[in-house]
Protein backbone atom coordinates (compact mmCIF):
# COMPACT_ATOMS: atom_id res chain seq x y z
CA UNK A 1 -24.58 86.88 -36.63
CA UNK A 2 -21.86 84.93 -38.38
CA UNK A 3 -22.92 83.51 -41.75
CA UNK A 4 -20.79 80.92 -43.50
CA UNK A 5 -21.31 79.06 -46.76
CA UNK A 6 -20.40 75.66 -48.04
CA UNK A 7 -18.54 77.23 -50.96
CA UNK A 8 -17.11 75.51 -53.98
CA UNK A 9 -13.29 75.41 -54.33
CA UNK A 10 -12.02 78.82 -55.35
CA UNK A 11 -15.17 80.60 -54.15
CA UNK A 12 -13.09 82.67 -51.75
CA UNK A 13 -11.56 84.47 -54.69
CA UNK A 14 -8.06 83.39 -53.65
CA UNK A 15 -5.96 81.05 -55.76
CA UNK A 16 -5.00 78.94 -52.76
CA UNK A 17 -6.11 75.28 -52.85
CA UNK A 18 -4.88 74.68 -49.31
CA UNK A 19 -6.96 77.56 -47.95
CA UNK A 20 -10.03 76.35 -49.86
CA UNK A 21 -9.58 72.83 -48.55
CA UNK A 22 -9.15 74.07 -45.00
CA UNK A 23 -12.23 76.29 -45.25
CA UNK A 24 -14.32 73.42 -46.63
CA UNK A 25 -13.20 71.18 -43.78
CA UNK A 26 -14.15 73.79 -41.19
CA UNK A 27 -17.51 74.49 -42.82
CA UNK A 28 -18.33 70.82 -42.76
CA UNK A 29 -17.66 70.87 -39.01
CA UNK A 30 -20.09 73.77 -38.67
CA UNK A 31 -22.76 71.95 -40.65
CA UNK A 32 -22.39 68.94 -38.32
CA UNK A 33 -22.80 71.18 -35.27
CA UNK A 34 -19.24 70.64 -34.07
CA UNK A 35 -17.38 73.31 -32.11
CA UNK A 36 -14.81 75.59 -33.72
CA UNK A 37 -11.95 77.34 -31.97
CA UNK A 38 -11.49 81.11 -32.12
CA UNK A 39 -8.60 80.61 -34.56
CA UNK A 40 -10.73 78.43 -36.85
CA UNK A 41 -13.54 81.00 -36.97
CA UNK A 42 -11.03 83.72 -37.81
CA UNK A 43 -9.74 81.55 -40.69
CA UNK A 44 -13.25 81.24 -42.09
CA UNK A 45 -13.88 84.98 -41.80
CA UNK A 46 -10.64 85.67 -43.68
CA UNK A 47 -11.18 83.16 -46.50
CA UNK A 48 -14.89 83.35 -47.28
CA UNK A 49 -16.54 86.29 -49.05
CA UNK A 50 -19.40 87.87 -47.06
CA UNK A 51 -22.00 87.10 -49.74
CA UNK A 52 -21.49 83.36 -49.35
CA UNK A 53 -24.30 82.80 -46.84
CA UNK A 54 -25.57 79.32 -46.20
CA UNK A 55 -24.97 78.20 -42.61
CA UNK A 56 -25.85 81.08 -40.23
CA UNK A 57 -24.67 81.07 -36.64
CA UNK A 58 -25.99 83.43 -33.99
CA UNK A 59 -23.04 84.46 -31.80
CA UNK A 60 -23.98 85.26 -28.22
CA UNK A 61 -21.53 86.89 -25.78
CA UNK A 62 -22.57 86.05 -22.21
CA UNK A 63 -21.37 87.37 -18.85
CA UNK A 64 -22.24 85.36 -15.75
CA UNK A 65 -22.19 87.04 -12.33
CA UNK A 66 -22.88 85.92 -8.77
CA UNK A 67 -25.12 87.65 -6.23
CA UNK A 68 -22.41 90.23 -5.54
CA UNK A 69 -22.06 91.11 -9.21
CA UNK A 70 -18.68 89.37 -9.58
CA UNK A 71 -17.90 87.55 -12.83
CA UNK A 72 -17.97 83.73 -12.73
CA UNK A 73 -15.45 82.05 -15.02
CA UNK A 74 -15.61 78.30 -14.31
CA UNK A 75 -18.79 77.21 -16.11
CA UNK A 76 -18.93 74.62 -18.88
CA UNK A 77 -21.14 74.17 -21.90
CA UNK A 78 -23.52 71.88 -20.03
CA UNK A 79 -24.26 74.71 -17.56
CA UNK A 80 -25.93 76.82 -20.27
CA UNK A 81 -29.34 76.57 -21.93
CA UNK A 82 -30.23 79.10 -24.64
CA UNK A 83 -33.88 79.82 -25.39
CA UNK A 84 -34.92 81.38 -28.70
CA UNK A 85 -38.47 82.73 -28.37
CA UNK A 86 -38.89 80.45 -25.38
CA UNK A 87 -37.66 77.26 -27.05
CA UNK A 88 -34.28 75.64 -26.31
CA UNK A 89 -31.74 75.53 -29.14
CA UNK A 90 -28.74 73.26 -29.55
CA UNK A 91 -25.36 74.95 -29.13
CA UNK A 92 -23.02 74.61 -32.11
CA UNK A 93 -20.08 76.34 -30.44
CA UNK A 94 -18.95 77.19 -26.91
CA UNK A 95 -15.89 79.12 -25.82
CA UNK A 96 -14.57 80.45 -22.53
CA UNK A 97 -11.27 82.25 -22.49
CA UNK A 98 -10.12 83.90 -19.27
CA UNK A 99 -8.10 87.13 -19.47
CA UNK A 100 -8.98 87.72 -23.12
CA UNK A 101 -7.74 90.84 -24.90
CA UNK A 102 -10.22 93.73 -25.02
CA UNK A 103 -11.42 96.13 -27.70
CA UNK A 104 -13.12 99.17 -26.15
CA UNK A 105 -14.69 102.03 -28.08
CA UNK A 106 -14.74 105.00 -25.68
CA UNK A 107 -17.66 107.26 -26.56
CA UNK A 108 -17.08 110.52 -24.67
CA UNK A 109 -19.68 113.26 -24.22
CA UNK A 110 -18.26 116.57 -25.54
CA UNK A 111 -21.43 118.65 -25.24
CA UNK A 112 -21.73 121.98 -23.46
CA UNK A 113 -22.94 120.40 -20.22
CA UNK A 114 -19.55 118.65 -19.93
CA UNK A 115 -17.52 121.85 -20.49
CA UNK A 116 -17.26 123.27 -16.91
CA UNK A 117 -14.06 122.41 -15.08
CA UNK A 118 -15.84 120.32 -12.38
CA UNK A 119 -17.37 118.14 -15.12
CA UNK A 120 -14.00 117.62 -16.81
CA UNK A 121 -12.60 116.59 -13.41
CA UNK A 122 -15.45 114.10 -13.05
CA UNK A 123 -14.72 112.76 -16.51
CA UNK A 124 -11.08 112.16 -15.53
CA UNK A 125 -12.15 110.50 -12.29
CA UNK A 126 -14.52 108.17 -14.16
CA UNK A 127 -12.02 107.18 -16.88
CA UNK A 128 -8.71 106.95 -15.02
CA UNK A 129 -9.34 103.61 -13.21
CA UNK A 130 -10.41 101.98 -16.49
CA UNK A 131 -7.40 103.30 -18.39
CA UNK A 132 -5.11 101.89 -15.69
CA UNK A 133 -6.49 98.42 -16.50
CA UNK A 134 -5.64 98.53 -20.21
CA UNK A 135 -3.00 95.94 -21.15
CA UNK A 136 -0.46 96.07 -24.00
CA UNK A 137 -2.54 93.78 -26.25
CA UNK A 138 -5.83 95.57 -25.59
CA UNK A 139 -7.15 98.10 -28.08
CA UNK A 140 -9.06 101.30 -27.33
CA UNK A 141 -10.39 104.03 -29.59
CA UNK A 142 -11.55 107.50 -28.61
CA UNK A 143 -14.74 108.86 -30.17
CA UNK A 144 -16.47 112.06 -29.05
CA UNK A 145 -19.96 113.40 -29.67
CA UNK A 146 -22.17 116.38 -28.96
CA UNK A 147 -25.13 117.52 -31.07
CA UNK A 148 -26.66 115.46 -33.87
CA UNK A 149 -24.15 114.60 -36.59
CA UNK A 150 -21.18 115.68 -34.48
CA UNK A 151 -19.47 112.32 -33.89
CA UNK A 152 -15.69 112.54 -34.20
CA UNK A 153 -13.10 109.74 -34.25
CA UNK A 154 -9.85 110.73 -32.57
CA UNK A 155 -7.16 108.50 -34.02
CA UNK A 156 -6.79 104.76 -34.68
CA UNK A 157 -7.12 101.81 -32.33
CA UNK A 158 -4.32 101.92 -29.76
CA UNK A 159 -3.16 100.53 -26.43
CA UNK A 160 -1.80 103.91 -25.22
CA UNK A 161 -4.32 104.40 -22.45
CA UNK A 162 -2.92 107.49 -20.74
CA UNK A 163 -2.50 109.30 -24.05
CA UNK A 164 -6.12 108.45 -24.85
CA UNK A 165 -7.20 109.78 -21.46
CA UNK A 166 -5.39 113.05 -22.12
CA UNK A 167 -7.09 113.31 -25.48
CA UNK A 168 -10.50 112.77 -23.87
CA UNK A 169 -9.87 115.61 -21.41
CA UNK A 170 -8.68 118.02 -24.12
CA UNK A 171 -11.59 117.58 -26.55
CA UNK A 172 -13.31 120.94 -27.31
CA UNK A 173 -16.79 120.96 -25.78
CA UNK A 174 -20.02 122.73 -26.66
CA UNK A 175 -23.52 122.31 -28.05
CA UNK A 176 -26.41 120.03 -27.18
CA UNK A 177 -26.26 116.28 -26.40
CA UNK A 178 -27.36 113.57 -28.86
CA UNK A 179 -26.47 110.37 -27.00
CA UNK A 180 -28.74 107.97 -28.89
CA UNK A 181 -27.59 109.23 -32.30
CA UNK A 182 -23.94 108.89 -31.23
CA UNK A 183 -24.41 105.33 -30.01
CA UNK A 184 -25.91 104.26 -33.34
CA UNK A 185 -22.94 105.76 -35.20
CA UNK A 186 -20.45 104.25 -32.75
CA UNK A 187 -21.85 100.76 -33.27
CA UNK A 188 -21.08 101.09 -36.99
CA UNK A 189 -17.38 101.58 -36.13
CA UNK A 190 -17.10 98.09 -34.66
CA UNK A 191 -16.79 94.80 -36.59
CA UNK A 192 -19.82 92.56 -36.86
CA UNK A 193 -19.77 89.10 -35.29
CA UNK A 194 -16.61 89.73 -33.26
CA UNK A 195 -14.41 87.14 -31.65
CA UNK A 196 -12.55 89.74 -29.62
CA UNK A 197 -14.08 90.81 -26.31
CA UNK A 198 -15.39 94.22 -27.23
CA UNK A 199 -17.74 96.85 -25.82
CA UNK A 200 -18.91 100.42 -26.27
CA UNK A 201 -18.16 102.46 -23.13
CA UNK A 202 -20.28 105.61 -23.00
CA UNK A 203 -19.11 108.37 -20.65
CA UNK A 204 -21.70 111.12 -20.19
CA UNK A 205 -23.77 113.12 -17.72
CA UNK A 206 -26.69 111.14 -19.13
CA UNK A 207 -28.93 113.96 -20.38
CA UNK A 208 -29.97 113.44 -24.03
CA UNK A 209 -31.64 116.55 -25.42
CA UNK A 210 -30.95 116.43 -29.17
CA UNK A 211 -31.26 112.90 -30.60
CA UNK A 212 -33.47 111.82 -33.44
CA UNK A 213 -32.78 108.15 -32.83
CA UNK A 214 -34.78 106.25 -30.23
CA UNK A 215 -33.63 103.94 -27.45
CA UNK A 216 -34.95 101.02 -29.52
CA UNK A 217 -32.77 102.06 -32.50
CA UNK A 218 -29.68 102.15 -30.28
CA UNK A 219 -30.41 98.69 -28.92
CA UNK A 220 -30.90 97.30 -32.44
CA UNK A 221 -27.60 98.84 -33.60
CA UNK A 222 -25.69 97.31 -30.70
CA UNK A 223 -27.36 93.94 -31.22
CA UNK A 224 -26.31 94.00 -34.88
CA UNK A 225 -22.61 94.04 -33.94
CA UNK A 226 -23.23 91.76 -30.92
CA UNK A 227 -21.68 94.30 -28.58
CA UNK A 228 -22.64 95.29 -25.02
CA UNK A 229 -22.95 98.96 -24.08
CA UNK A 230 -21.50 100.00 -20.71
CA UNK A 231 -22.44 103.40 -19.35
CA UNK A 232 -20.27 105.46 -17.00
CA UNK A 233 -22.57 108.23 -15.81
CA UNK A 234 -20.47 111.05 -14.41
CA UNK A 235 -21.92 112.93 -11.48
CA UNK A 236 -21.78 113.27 -7.74
CA UNK A 237 -23.42 111.38 -4.90
CA UNK A 238 -26.76 112.98 -5.72
CA UNK A 239 -26.72 111.50 -9.21
CA UNK A 240 -26.00 108.04 -7.78
CA UNK A 241 -28.85 108.26 -5.26
CA UNK A 242 -31.24 109.53 -7.91
CA UNK A 243 -30.30 106.69 -10.25
CA UNK A 244 -30.99 104.14 -7.53
CA UNK A 245 -34.25 105.68 -6.32
CA UNK A 246 -35.72 106.85 -9.61
CA UNK A 247 -35.71 103.95 -12.12
CA UNK A 248 -37.75 106.10 -14.53
CA UNK A 249 -35.53 109.18 -14.14
CA UNK A 250 -33.09 110.81 -16.60
CA UNK A 251 -30.89 107.71 -16.76
CA UNK A 252 -33.74 105.31 -17.58
CA UNK A 253 -33.00 105.25 -21.31
CA UNK A 254 -29.32 104.53 -20.80
CA UNK A 255 -30.14 101.88 -18.22
CA UNK A 256 -32.40 100.13 -20.76
CA UNK A 257 -29.70 100.28 -23.45
CA UNK A 258 -27.14 98.73 -21.10
CA UNK A 259 -29.54 96.02 -19.94
CA UNK A 260 -30.84 95.03 -23.39
CA UNK A 261 -27.34 94.78 -24.90
CA UNK A 262 -25.82 92.81 -22.01
CA UNK A 263 -23.89 95.72 -20.48
CA UNK A 264 -24.25 97.68 -17.26
CA UNK A 265 -24.80 101.24 -16.06
CA UNK A 266 -22.48 102.65 -13.40
CA UNK A 267 -22.62 106.03 -11.70
CA UNK A 268 -19.06 107.22 -11.01
CA UNK A 269 -20.08 109.28 -8.00
CA UNK A 270 -16.62 109.23 -6.39
CA UNK A 271 -13.20 107.60 -6.81
CA UNK A 272 -14.31 104.38 -5.09
CA UNK A 273 -17.35 104.02 -7.38
CA UNK A 274 -15.17 104.69 -10.44
CA UNK A 275 -12.68 102.01 -9.40
CA UNK A 276 -15.50 99.53 -8.78
CA UNK A 277 -17.01 100.26 -12.20
CA UNK A 278 -13.66 99.71 -13.94
CA UNK A 279 -13.14 96.43 -12.07
CA UNK A 280 -16.60 95.08 -12.92
CA UNK A 281 -16.37 96.11 -16.56
CA UNK A 282 -12.98 94.44 -16.98
CA UNK A 283 -14.08 91.28 -15.18
CA UNK A 284 -17.17 91.04 -17.37
CA UNK A 285 -15.30 91.26 -20.66
CA UNK A 286 -12.16 89.30 -19.84
CA UNK A 287 -14.23 86.41 -18.52
CA UNK A 288 -16.91 86.46 -21.19
CA UNK A 289 -18.40 83.27 -22.59
CA UNK A 290 -19.25 82.86 -26.26
CA UNK A 291 -22.15 80.66 -27.32
CA UNK A 292 -23.31 80.02 -30.87
CA UNK A 293 -26.33 78.29 -32.34
CA UNK A 294 -28.10 77.88 -35.65
CA UNK A 295 -31.45 79.72 -35.77
CA UNK A 296 -34.55 77.56 -35.62
CA UNK A 297 -35.63 79.15 -38.94
CA UNK A 298 -33.88 81.41 -41.47
CA UNK A 299 -33.55 85.05 -40.32
CA UNK A 300 -36.42 87.16 -41.68
CA UNK A 301 -35.82 90.55 -40.02
CA UNK A 302 -38.30 89.94 -37.23
CA UNK A 303 -37.09 90.20 -33.64
CA UNK A 304 -36.38 86.96 -31.80
CA UNK A 305 -36.02 87.08 -28.04
CA UNK A 306 -33.12 85.27 -26.41
CA UNK A 307 -32.71 84.06 -22.86
CA UNK A 308 -29.82 82.21 -21.23
CA UNK A 309 -30.60 79.84 -18.36
CA UNK A 310 -27.94 78.49 -16.01
CA UNK A 311 -27.71 75.11 -14.34
CA UNK A 312 -26.14 76.53 -11.19
CA UNK A 313 -28.20 78.40 -8.59
CA UNK A 314 -27.36 81.89 -7.42
CA UNK A 315 -25.94 83.04 -10.75
CA UNK A 316 -27.23 85.50 -13.33
CA UNK A 317 -26.45 85.55 -17.06
CA UNK A 318 -26.29 88.89 -18.88
CA UNK A 319 -26.45 89.02 -22.66
CA UNK A 320 -28.30 90.86 -25.42
CA UNK A 321 -32.03 90.31 -25.28
CA UNK A 322 -32.45 89.13 -28.86
CA UNK A 323 -31.60 89.54 -32.52
CA UNK A 324 -33.17 90.09 -35.94
């Protein structure tokens, strides 16, 4: 959630009358329910101190797909209706930007189950198509995990995709697998209320055997930074068939995390499946819509369910299921 305040001149802490005047003008637009551009929201985030909270906006990233799962990028504000606990809310801001730059946090499983050479080969197969789609202005960051408390950040944000891929393949592996714990920690590495198109991309064999955190805690952490979680489950054809036929199987928790945060789960069973997953993930994020609204009542920590309805038949909107 973005939270802005109608601050007095100089409340930003900067001795810059022009910046204060500009911020006040933009905040007045927010209070009237008028739309702001991405650049205007960035200006407010830079000028205002975080404790100045007065006009909250719930930011909602939305991906719209057709019956084939392909992203739809030609909708307008009037095509969307947002329900908060079943009641429609008025949109204060709408933005669609095709081919937006991406920020991807790659969360790579480095547990013992991923150590054998065939598993490393599957990891490369799952990641390579996605890395080939990284553009010069995109940013990726490699983070690995294994047992509880073993989350490691490997370098800064970068656009050097092939170097990042090499780093992912060379990570030392061993120990048990704490996927849920790692996802909660990974969410804390991302900015809250982003304007950039960002996501957590989890690459794992999908077997969590060491976490203290629950699926619900992971979903709450991802909702807090308004970020979808995409899962690339590495495994062969058998893993793909099992995932399709056993909705309550080993991947059920990861499937729920992806669904509740607005992401997707893919099983990279072969090169074709890996390429398809990379294509769908990129289409989702580069053609993402951003909606914003003022809550019907001040946030109180209780969960509020969100639903996005579309005015065009045959389409499906994916977004996080709610907020606190």
